[in-house]
N, C-alpha and C. Protein backbone atom coordinates (compact mmCIF):
# COMPACT_ATOMS: atom_id res chain seq x y z
N UNK A 1 105.51 -13.91 50.99
CA UNK A 1 104.28 -14.70 49.86
C UNK A 1 103.61 -13.37 49.00
N UNK A 2 102.98 -13.74 47.75
CA UNK A 2 102.41 -12.63 47.05
C UNK A 2 101.18 -12.74 47.30
N UNK A 3 100.67 -13.67 48.27
CA UNK A 3 99.11 -13.35 48.93
C UNK A 3 98.77 -12.17 49.67
N UNK A 4 99.81 -12.23 50.57
CA UNK A 4 100.37 -11.66 51.98
C UNK A 4 100.58 -9.86 51.32
N UNK A 5 100.92 -9.87 50.45
CA UNK A 5 101.12 -8.74 50.43
C UNK A 5 100.32 -7.94 49.68
N UNK A 6 99.54 -8.54 48.80
CA UNK A 6 98.37 -8.61 48.02
C UNK A 6 97.02 -8.18 49.64
N UNK A 7 97.26 -8.73 50.39
CA UNK A 7 96.43 -8.22 51.89
C UNK A 7 97.15 -6.84 52.66
N UNK A 8 98.09 -7.16 52.54
CA UNK A 8 99.09 -5.90 52.94
C UNK A 8 98.98 -4.13 52.76
N UNK A 9 99.28 -4.74 51.51
CA UNK A 9 99.48 -3.17 50.97
C UNK A 9 98.31 -2.50 49.68
N UNK A 10 97.99 -1.88 49.70
CA UNK A 10 97.14 -1.23 48.62
C UNK A 10 97.12 -1.30 47.50
N UNK A 11 95.77 -2.17 47.24
CA UNK A 11 95.72 -2.62 45.68
C UNK A 11 94.82 -3.05 45.51
N UNK A 12 95.03 -2.22 44.11
CA UNK A 12 93.62 -2.11 43.52
C UNK A 12 92.26 -2.62 43.49
N UNK A 13 92.90 -3.76 43.08
CA UNK A 13 92.39 -4.94 42.53
C UNK A 13 92.42 -6.03 43.16
N UNK A 14 92.56 -6.06 45.48
CA UNK A 14 92.09 -7.18 45.60
C UNK A 14 90.92 -7.55 45.96
N UNK A 15 89.71 -6.44 45.93
CA UNK A 15 88.62 -6.71 46.53
C UNK A 15 88.06 -7.92 45.41
N UNK A 16 88.38 -7.77 44.15
CA UNK A 16 87.99 -9.06 43.25
C UNK A 16 89.00 -10.06 43.56
N UNK A 17 90.07 -10.11 43.59
CA UNK A 17 90.85 -10.93 43.34
C UNK A 17 91.41 -12.02 44.30
N UNK A 18 91.32 -11.67 45.66
CA UNK A 18 91.08 -12.87 46.39
C UNK A 18 90.11 -13.63 46.37
N UNK A 19 88.77 -13.09 46.43
CA UNK A 19 87.69 -14.11 46.49
C UNK A 19 88.35 -15.10 44.99
N UNK A 20 88.42 -14.66 44.42
CA UNK A 20 88.40 -15.34 42.58
C UNK A 20 89.63 -16.77 42.96
N UNK A 21 90.31 -15.98 43.51
CA UNK A 21 91.46 -17.25 43.93
C UNK A 21 91.36 -17.45 44.90
N UNK A 22 90.68 -17.66 45.55
CA UNK A 22 90.41 -18.43 46.70
C UNK A 22 89.16 -19.89 46.29
N UNK A 23 88.33 -19.23 45.43
CA UNK A 23 87.56 -20.04 44.77
C UNK A 23 88.05 -21.10 44.03
N UNK A 24 89.73 -20.90 43.68
CA UNK A 24 90.24 -22.10 42.50
C UNK A 24 90.79 -23.21 43.76
N UNK A 25 91.12 -22.75 45.53
CA UNK A 25 91.10 -23.69 46.11
C UNK A 25 90.35 -24.53 46.26
N UNK A 26 88.62 -24.62 46.28
CA UNK A 26 87.92 -25.41 46.76
C UNK A 26 88.13 -26.79 46.56
N UNK A 27 88.80 -27.12 45.32
CA UNK A 27 88.14 -28.35 45.01
C UNK A 27 89.37 -29.07 45.44
N UNK A 28 90.46 -28.58 45.63
CA UNK A 28 91.48 -29.43 46.64
C UNK A 28 91.68 -29.80 47.57
N UNK A 29 92.43 -31.01 47.04
CA UNK A 29 92.67 -32.37 48.45
C UNK A 29 93.50 -31.09 50.16
N UNK A 30 94.13 -30.47 49.79
CA UNK A 30 95.40 -29.52 50.76
C UNK A 30 94.50 -28.79 51.35
N UNK A 31 94.85 -28.18 52.19
CA UNK A 31 94.51 -27.26 52.76
C UNK A 31 94.94 -26.03 52.11
N UNK A 32 94.46 -24.63 51.14
CA UNK A 32 95.14 -24.25 51.02
C UNK A 32 93.95 -22.63 51.23
N UNK A 33 94.57 -21.68 50.93
CA UNK A 33 93.93 -19.84 51.27
C UNK A 33 93.47 -20.19 49.83
N UNK A 34 94.95 -19.58 48.97
CA UNK A 34 94.53 -18.96 47.24
C UNK A 34 95.29 -19.84 46.59
N UNK A 35 94.99 -19.76 45.75
CA UNK A 35 95.80 -20.41 44.26
C UNK A 35 95.65 -19.56 43.03
N UNK A 36 96.98 -19.90 42.89
CA UNK A 36 97.57 -18.67 41.49
C UNK A 36 97.61 -20.05 40.46
N UNK A 37 98.38 -20.69 40.75
CA UNK A 37 99.02 -21.60 39.09
C UNK A 37 97.49 -22.72 38.77
N UNK A 38 97.94 -23.07 37.76
CA UNK A 38 96.98 -23.53 37.44
C UNK A 38 97.69 -25.08 37.80
N UNK A 39 96.67 -25.92 37.47
CA UNK A 39 97.15 -27.27 37.98
C UNK A 39 97.23 -28.37 37.01
N UNK A 40 98.67 -29.00 37.01
CA UNK A 40 98.71 -30.57 36.79
C UNK A 40 100.08 -29.42 35.38
N UNK A 41 100.33 -30.75 34.05
CA UNK A 41 101.30 -30.49 32.97
C UNK A 41 100.97 -31.05 32.58
N UNK A 42 101.01 -31.21 31.14
CA UNK A 42 100.92 -32.04 30.20
C UNK A 42 102.13 -32.58 29.28
N UNK A 43 102.86 -32.87 29.76
CA UNK A 43 103.86 -33.32 28.89
C UNK A 43 104.23 -34.09 28.18
N UNK A 44 104.43 -33.70 27.01
CA UNK A 44 104.60 -34.20 25.47
C UNK A 44 106.52 -34.14 25.60
N UNK A 45 106.68 -35.27 24.76
CA UNK A 45 107.79 -36.28 24.59
C UNK A 45 107.63 -35.80 23.42
N UNK A 46 109.49 -35.21 23.25
CA UNK A 46 110.09 -34.44 21.71
C UNK A 46 110.08 -35.82 20.88
N UNK A 47 110.09 -35.74 20.36
CA UNK A 47 110.76 -36.94 18.90
C UNK A 47 111.32 -35.91 17.25
N UNK A 48 110.73 -35.44 17.11
CA UNK A 48 111.64 -34.95 16.60
C UNK A 48 111.83 -33.24 16.25
N UNK A 49 113.41 -32.95 15.49
CA UNK A 49 113.48 -31.79 15.58
C UNK A 49 112.38 -30.15 14.91
N UNK A 50 111.21 -30.81 14.33
CA UNK A 50 110.18 -29.51 13.81
C UNK A 50 109.24 -29.53 15.36
N UNK A 51 109.61 -30.63 15.91
CA UNK A 51 108.27 -30.36 17.20
C UNK A 51 109.06 -29.78 18.49
N UNK A 52 110.45 -30.39 18.35
CA UNK A 52 110.99 -29.10 19.00
C UNK A 52 110.82 -27.57 19.05
N UNK A 53 111.33 -27.14 17.83
CA UNK A 53 110.77 -26.05 17.15
C UNK A 53 109.70 -24.86 17.13
N UNK A 54 108.58 -26.14 17.27
CA UNK A 54 107.29 -25.64 17.15
C UNK A 54 106.90 -25.27 18.73
N UNK A 55 107.32 -26.06 19.83
CA UNK A 55 107.03 -25.58 21.47
C UNK A 55 108.37 -24.17 22.00
N UNK A 56 109.34 -24.59 21.06
CA UNK A 56 110.24 -23.16 21.14
C UNK A 56 109.60 -22.02 20.52
N UNK A 57 109.08 -21.89 20.05
CA UNK A 57 109.09 -20.99 19.03
C UNK A 57 107.38 -20.54 20.37
N UNK A 58 106.83 -21.33 20.52
CA UNK A 58 105.40 -21.16 21.22
C UNK A 58 105.95 -20.83 22.75
N UNK A 59 106.99 -20.74 22.79
CA UNK A 59 107.29 -20.68 23.54
C UNK A 59 107.89 -19.39 24.09
N UNK A 60 108.45 -18.47 22.73
CA UNK A 60 109.22 -17.86 22.58
C UNK A 60 108.10 -16.52 21.98
N UNK A 61 106.72 -17.43 21.46
CA UNK A 61 105.76 -15.79 21.65
C UNK A 61 105.08 -15.70 22.72
N UNK A 62 104.89 -16.27 23.78
CA UNK A 62 103.73 -16.39 25.16
C UNK A 62 104.33 -15.07 25.10
N UNK A 63 105.55 -14.49 25.37
CA UNK A 63 105.67 -13.22 26.21
C UNK A 63 104.89 -11.59 24.60
N UNK A 64 105.06 -11.66 23.49
CA UNK A 64 104.43 -11.51 22.19
C UNK A 64 103.13 -11.52 22.52
N UNK A 65 102.49 -12.38 22.66
CA UNK A 65 100.65 -12.93 23.01
C UNK A 65 100.57 -11.62 23.79
N UNK A 66 100.97 -11.93 25.21
CA UNK A 66 100.66 -11.17 25.54
C UNK A 66 100.62 -9.93 25.77
N UNK A 67 101.12 -9.00 25.04
CA UNK A 67 101.62 -7.98 24.79
C UNK A 67 101.79 -7.12 25.91
N UNK A 68 103.64 -7.97 26.32
CA UNK A 68 104.99 -7.18 27.35
C UNK A 68 105.80 -6.76 26.20
N UNK A 69 105.78 -8.12 24.71
CA UNK A 69 107.14 -7.17 23.95
C UNK A 69 106.54 -7.28 22.78
N UNK A 70 107.11 -6.04 22.20
CA UNK A 70 107.24 -6.73 19.93
C UNK A 70 107.06 -7.72 19.99
N UNK A 71 108.29 -8.37 20.35
CA UNK A 71 109.29 -8.88 19.32
C UNK A 71 109.68 -10.51 20.35
N UNK A 72 110.13 -11.35 20.53
CA UNK A 72 110.22 -12.77 21.61
C UNK A 72 111.37 -12.13 21.59
N UNK A 73 111.90 -11.89 21.13
CA UNK A 73 113.58 -11.24 21.92
C UNK A 73 113.57 -9.81 22.80
N UNK A 74 113.20 -9.30 22.74
CA UNK A 74 112.88 -7.86 23.30
C UNK A 74 112.44 -8.12 25.31
N UNK A 75 111.83 -9.70 25.60
CA UNK A 75 111.86 -10.35 26.32
C UNK A 75 113.05 -10.82 27.09
N UNK A 76 113.50 -10.42 28.20
CA UNK A 76 114.35 -10.02 28.61
C UNK A 76 114.35 -11.67 29.02
N UNK A 77 113.94 -12.51 29.21
CA UNK A 77 114.17 -13.91 30.31
C UNK A 77 114.34 -15.24 28.66
N UNK A 78 113.95 -14.30 27.42
CA UNK A 78 114.28 -15.60 27.05
C UNK A 78 114.81 -15.60 26.61
N UNK A 79 115.27 -17.01 25.43
CA UNK A 79 116.27 -17.73 25.27
C UNK A 79 116.57 -16.88 23.81
N UNK A 80 115.51 -16.48 22.99
CA UNK A 80 114.96 -15.44 21.89
C UNK A 80 116.42 -14.96 21.69
N UNK A 81 116.97 -14.06 22.97
CA UNK A 81 117.91 -12.96 22.92
C UNK A 81 119.16 -13.61 22.21
N UNK A 82 119.81 -14.79 22.62
CA UNK A 82 120.39 -15.60 22.99
C UNK A 82 120.71 -15.64 21.10
N UNK A 83 119.36 -16.15 20.38
CA UNK A 83 119.71 -16.38 19.15
C UNK A 83 119.24 -15.31 18.36
N UNK A 84 119.26 -13.86 18.92
CA UNK A 84 119.49 -12.56 17.80
C UNK A 84 120.79 -12.36 19.07
N UNK A 85 121.57 -13.12 19.11
CA UNK A 85 122.87 -11.89 19.77
C UNK A 85 122.91 -10.38 20.69
N UNK A 86 121.87 -11.16 21.09
CA UNK A 86 121.26 -9.74 21.75
C UNK A 86 121.98 -9.77 23.71
N UNK A 87 122.50 -9.52 24.96
CA UNK A 87 122.75 -9.32 26.20
C UNK A 87 121.08 -10.40 26.42
N UNK A 88 122.03 -11.15 27.32
CA UNK A 88 120.78 -11.78 27.65
C UNK A 88 121.48 -12.30 29.13
N UNK A 89 120.28 -12.93 30.53
CA UNK A 89 119.88 -13.27 31.66
C UNK A 89 119.97 -14.48 31.69
N UNK A 90 120.44 -15.63 30.55
CA UNK A 90 119.98 -17.07 30.75
C UNK A 90 120.85 -17.48 29.89
N UNK A 91 121.65 -18.45 30.26
CA UNK A 91 122.93 -18.75 29.17
C UNK A 91 121.83 -20.46 28.93
N UNK A 92 122.43 -20.51 27.43
CA UNK A 92 121.86 -21.37 27.13
C UNK A 92 122.85 -22.17 26.56
N UNK A 93 122.81 -24.14 27.02
CA UNK A 93 123.47 -24.79 26.98
C UNK A 93 122.80 -25.64 25.70
N UNK A 94 123.60 -25.57 24.91
CA UNK A 94 123.25 -27.25 23.77
C UNK A 94 123.96 -28.41 24.04
N UNK A 95 123.00 -29.06 24.20
CA UNK A 95 123.74 -30.29 24.91
C UNK A 95 124.92 -31.12 23.11
N UNK A 96 123.97 -30.67 21.99
CA UNK A 96 124.36 -31.20 20.99
C UNK A 96 124.11 -30.14 19.70
N UNK A 97 124.44 -29.79 18.49
CA UNK A 97 123.81 -28.71 18.14
C UNK A 97 122.57 -29.56 16.91
N UNK A 98 122.50 -30.71 16.66
CA UNK A 98 121.63 -31.14 16.14
C UNK A 98 120.41 -31.85 16.93
N UNK A 99 119.65 -31.75 16.81
CA UNK A 99 118.73 -32.75 17.58
C UNK A 99 118.36 -34.09 16.77
N UNK A 100 118.19 -35.26 17.43
CA UNK A 100 118.01 -36.83 16.70
C UNK A 100 116.35 -36.78 16.86
N UNK A 101 116.14 -37.59 15.20
CA UNK A 101 114.75 -37.99 15.45
C UNK A 101 115.03 -39.02 15.46
N UNK A 102 113.92 -39.55 16.24
CA UNK A 102 113.56 -40.87 16.95
C UNK A 102 111.89 -41.72 16.64
N UNK A 103 112.10 -42.69 15.71
CA UNK A 103 111.33 -42.62 14.84
C UNK A 103 110.12 -44.18 15.90
């Protein structure tokens, strides 16, 4: 597991990282030593094509915003690679080529 590796391996950030991740568990009902991911999700129903592409663009821009890559298609696990006709790891399967708009 991720946290066991931090505890066992020489990790320069261990001294401040583990107490911080441990503090994130204080409010949890279940017993847990460390917490890495944020709680909950904020699911949204996609009603329009525009809203779909707004969210897809947001997902594609995440590695760019985090300065992991310069362009969305530079991220190996991004579906932007499929759109750019580059080699890709993940297959994108479209149900239809057009999204339906529900009003």
